[in-house]
C-alpha atoms as a PDB file:
ATOM      1  CA  UNK A   1      39.289  26.162  38.849  1.00  0.00           C
ATOM      2  CA  UNK A   2      37.839  22.613  37.701  1.00  0.00           C
ATOM      3  CA  UNK A   3      38.376  21.913  33.702  1.00  0.00           C
ATOM      4  CA  UNK A   4      36.743  19.357  31.412  1.00  0.00           C
ATOM      5  CA  UNK A   5      37.213  18.195  27.996  1.00  0.00           C
ATOM      6  CA  UNK A   6      35.409  15.872  25.890  1.00  0.00           C
ATOM      7  CA  UNK A   7      38.585  14.252  24.660  1.00  0.00           C
ATOM      8  CA  UNK A   8      39.455  13.102  27.857  1.00  0.00           C
ATOM      9  CA  UNK A   9      35.973  11.094  28.077  1.00  0.00           C
ATOM     10  CA  UNK A  10      37.082   9.754  24.681  1.00  0.00           C
ATOM     11  CA  UNK A  11      34.972  11.663  22.666  1.00  0.00           C
ATOM     12  CA  UNK A  12      36.048  12.975  18.894  1.00  0.00           C
ATOM     13  CA  UNK A  13      35.129  16.599  20.248  1.00  0.00           C
ATOM     14  CA  UNK A  14      36.997  19.850  20.835  1.00  0.00           C
ATOM     15  CA  UNK A  15      34.511  21.129  23.425  1.00  0.00           C
ATOM     16  CA  UNK A  16      36.093  22.023  26.741  1.00  0.00           C
ATOM     17  CA  UNK A  17      34.881  24.200  29.698  1.00  0.00           C
ATOM     18  CA  UNK A  18      35.921  25.347  33.095  1.00  0.00           C
ATOM     19  CA  UNK A  19      34.062  26.981  35.867  1.00  0.00           C
ATOM     20  CA  UNK A  20      34.237  28.478  39.185  1.00  0.00           C
ATOM     21  CA  UNK A  21      33.259  25.193  40.965  1.00  0.00           C
ATOM     22  CA  UNK A  22      32.371  21.606  40.295  1.00  0.00           C
ATOM     23  CA  UNK A  23      28.658  21.957  40.311  1.00  0.00           C
ATOM     24  CA  UNK A  24      28.630  24.670  37.731  1.00  0.00           C
ATOM     25  CA  UNK A  25      30.948  22.683  35.652  1.00  0.00           C
ATOM     26  CA  UNK A  26      28.687  19.633  35.900  1.00  0.00           C
ATOM     27  CA  UNK A  27      25.830  21.747  34.671  1.00  0.00           C
ATOM     28  CA  UNK A  28      27.804  23.007  31.568  1.00  0.00           C
ATOM     29  CA  UNK A  29      28.918  19.514  30.772  1.00  0.00           C
ATOM     30  CA  UNK A  30      25.272  18.053  31.128  1.00  0.00           C
ATOM     31  CA  UNK A  31      24.049  20.884  28.723  1.00  0.00           C
ATOM     32  CA  UNK A  32      26.633  20.169  26.100  1.00  0.00           C
ATOM     33  CA  UNK A  33      26.398  16.452  26.367  1.00  0.00           C
ATOM     34  CA  UNK A  34      22.658  16.892  25.789  1.00  0.00           C
ATOM     35  CA  UNK A  35      22.962  19.352  23.019  1.00  0.00           C
ATOM     36  CA  UNK A  36      26.013  18.192  21.116  1.00  0.00           C
ATOM     37  CA  UNK A  37      25.682  14.231  21.914  1.00  0.00           C
ATOM     38  CA  UNK A  38      22.168  13.368  22.654  1.00  0.00           C
ATOM     39  CA  UNK A  39      23.158  12.134  26.026  1.00  0.00           C
ATOM     40  CA  UNK A  40      19.862  13.102  28.305  1.00  0.00           C
ATOM     41  CA  UNK A  41      20.452  10.376  31.006  1.00  0.00           C
ATOM     42  CA  UNK A  42      23.416  10.971  33.501  1.00  0.00           C
ATOM     43  CA  UNK A  43      23.443   7.983  35.644  1.00  0.00           C
ATOM     44  CA  UNK A  44      25.424   7.797  38.681  1.00  0.00           C
ATOM     45  CA  UNK A  45      28.148   5.775  36.921  1.00  0.00           C
ATOM     46  CA  UNK A  46      28.444   8.499  34.178  1.00  0.00           C
ATOM     47  CA  UNK A  47      28.803  11.368  36.406  1.00  0.00           C
ATOM     48  CA  UNK A  48      31.661   9.366  38.380  1.00  0.00           C
ATOM     49  CA  UNK A  49      33.326   8.822  35.118  1.00  0.00           C
ATOM     50  CA  UNK A  50      32.669  12.489  34.360  1.00  0.00           C
ATOM     51  CA  UNK A  51      34.271  13.799  37.680  1.00  0.00           C
ATOM     52  CA  UNK A  52      37.242  11.126  37.213  1.00  0.00           C
ATOM     53  CA  UNK A  53      38.526  13.302  34.210  1.00  0.00           C
ATOM     54  CA  UNK A  54      37.954  16.816  35.694  1.00  0.00           C
ATOM     55  CA  UNK A  55      41.204  18.469  36.194  1.00  0.00           C
ATOM     56  CA  UNK A  56      41.806  21.116  38.938  1.00  0.00           C
END
């Protein structure tokens, strides 16, 4: 089950999530990033950086 933590991206944020699959997790991350951090553009580079810190 993939897991993500904002702290792993260097953010001063305690938010973390896990989901059944990577696509669901990425959607949760995008929603949180938009609502909590004002990040609305998810460039390919940003998506790759996010994927690099996701743990299985």
